[in-house]
Each structure stands twice: as C-alpha cells, then as structure tokens.
Amino acid sequence: MKLHVQLFAVAKERLGTSQVAVELPEGASLGQLRAALAEFYPPLREVLRHARLAVNNEYAAESTPLAAGAEVAIIPPVSGG
C-alpha cells in the first residue's frame, strides 16, 4: 500500500517538502512506517527518534496498524520560549 506522510517543522525543513510517499505491505504498523522513513529518507533519522506520529489526526502507538489512505503526520517536538 502507498502511504502519504505529512511533514511539519524541522522534518519539512530537512527534506524541503511537506509530504513524502512510502510503499509498505498491507497491514504494516506505524513502527514499520517509522523504520521505512528512516531508511528511505536519511535526513529524517534524527527527527524520527524524537517525533510523534499521528494517524488520522490522532497520536498513535508504534503497534497501530495502517490502512491504505490513512493520513499520517510526523510531528517533531517544538521548542521555544
């Protein structure tokens, strides 16, 4: 299945785009997606170590199964003052 992943903040800056696509087997988990993103997009590796991932506008666990057409987002931690 093909998943489109939305990128925000530093993840978007690292790749210079707001969305990437990843091909995964049917029934893949969010953890498998995180690993695939780190492999296919090396500039995201460090970001992914600290980022939260959301599926269909809800933060999700690594074990969450993904379905074709799911909305996935990488949400890096935000700092400021």
Protein backbone atom coordinates (compact mmCIF):
# COMPACT_ATOMS: atom_id res chain seq x y z
CA MET A 1 0.00 0.00 0.00
CA LYS A 2 1.14 3.52 -0.64
CA LEU A 3 1.03 5.99 2.25
CA HIS A 4 1.43 9.74 2.05
CA VAL A 5 3.09 11.24 5.10
CA GLN A 6 2.75 14.90 6.06
CA LEU A 7 5.89 16.61 7.37
CA PHE A 8 5.94 19.55 9.77
CA ALA A 9 8.53 21.89 11.25
CA VAL A 10 12.11 20.55 11.15
CA ALA A 11 11.06 17.40 9.25
CA LYS A 12 9.69 19.59 6.46
CA GLU A 13 12.84 21.74 6.51
CA ARG A 14 15.18 18.73 6.32
CA LEU A 15 13.55 17.35 3.16
CA GLY A 16 12.38 20.61 1.61
CA THR A 17 8.88 19.25 1.09
CA SER A 18 5.68 18.95 3.11
CA GLN A 19 4.82 15.40 2.04
CA VAL A 20 6.54 12.13 1.12
CA ALA A 21 5.21 8.79 -0.09
CA VAL A 22 6.21 5.36 1.23
CA GLU A 23 5.25 1.93 -0.08
CA LEU A 24 4.58 -0.65 2.66
CA PRO A 25 2.94 -4.10 2.77
CA GLU A 26 -0.76 -4.25 3.68
CA GLY A 27 -1.26 -4.28 7.43
CA ALA A 28 2.09 -2.63 8.22
CA SER A 29 2.33 -0.93 11.60
CA LEU A 30 3.21 2.64 12.43
CA GLY A 31 6.54 1.37 13.79
CA GLN A 32 7.30 -0.22 10.42
CA LEU A 33 6.48 3.08 8.74
CA ARG A 34 8.86 4.93 11.09
CA ALA A 35 11.65 2.44 10.21
CA ALA A 36 10.94 2.75 6.47
CA LEU A 37 11.01 6.55 6.64
CA ALA A 38 14.39 6.46 8.41
CA GLU A 39 15.73 4.11 5.73
CA PHE A 40 14.35 5.91 2.66
CA TYR A 41 14.89 9.46 3.94
CA PRO A 42 18.17 9.55 5.93
CA PRO A 43 17.86 13.29 6.78
CA LEU A 44 14.81 12.35 8.89
CA ARG A 45 16.57 9.76 11.06
CA GLU A 46 17.38 12.07 13.96
CA VAL A 47 13.99 13.81 13.76
CA LEU A 48 12.16 10.48 13.83
CA ARG A 49 13.90 9.47 17.05
CA HIS A 50 12.06 12.26 18.89
CA ALA A 51 8.95 12.88 16.80
CA ARG A 52 5.42 11.75 17.50
CA LEU A 53 3.44 10.19 14.68
CA ALA A 54 -0.25 10.72 14.19
CA VAL A 55 -2.70 8.63 12.19
CA ASN A 56 -5.94 10.25 11.06
CA ASN A 57 -5.36 13.27 13.33
CA GLU A 58 -4.71 11.22 16.49
CA TYR A 59 -1.36 10.39 18.09
CA ALA A 60 -0.83 6.66 17.69
CA ALA A 61 1.28 3.85 19.15
CA GLU A 62 4.02 2.09 17.20
CA SER A 63 1.84 -1.04 17.06
CA THR A 64 -1.04 0.77 15.32
CA PRO A 65 -1.88 -1.00 12.04
CA LEU A 66 -2.07 1.25 8.99
CA ALA A 67 -4.63 1.11 6.21
CA ALA A 68 -4.33 2.42 2.67
CA GLY A 69 -5.44 6.04 2.57
CA ALA A 70 -4.61 6.72 6.23
CA GLU A 71 -3.48 10.27 6.96
CA VAL A 72 -0.10 10.05 8.68
CA ALA A 73 1.85 13.00 10.07
CA ILE A 74 5.32 13.40 11.58
CA ILE A 75 5.15 15.92 14.38
CA PRO A 76 8.58 16.87 15.75
CA PRO A 77 8.92 18.28 19.26
CA VAL A 78 8.63 22.05 19.43
CA SER A 79 10.92 24.25 21.46
CA GLY A 80 10.61 27.90 22.19
CA GLY A 81 10.41 30.41 24.90
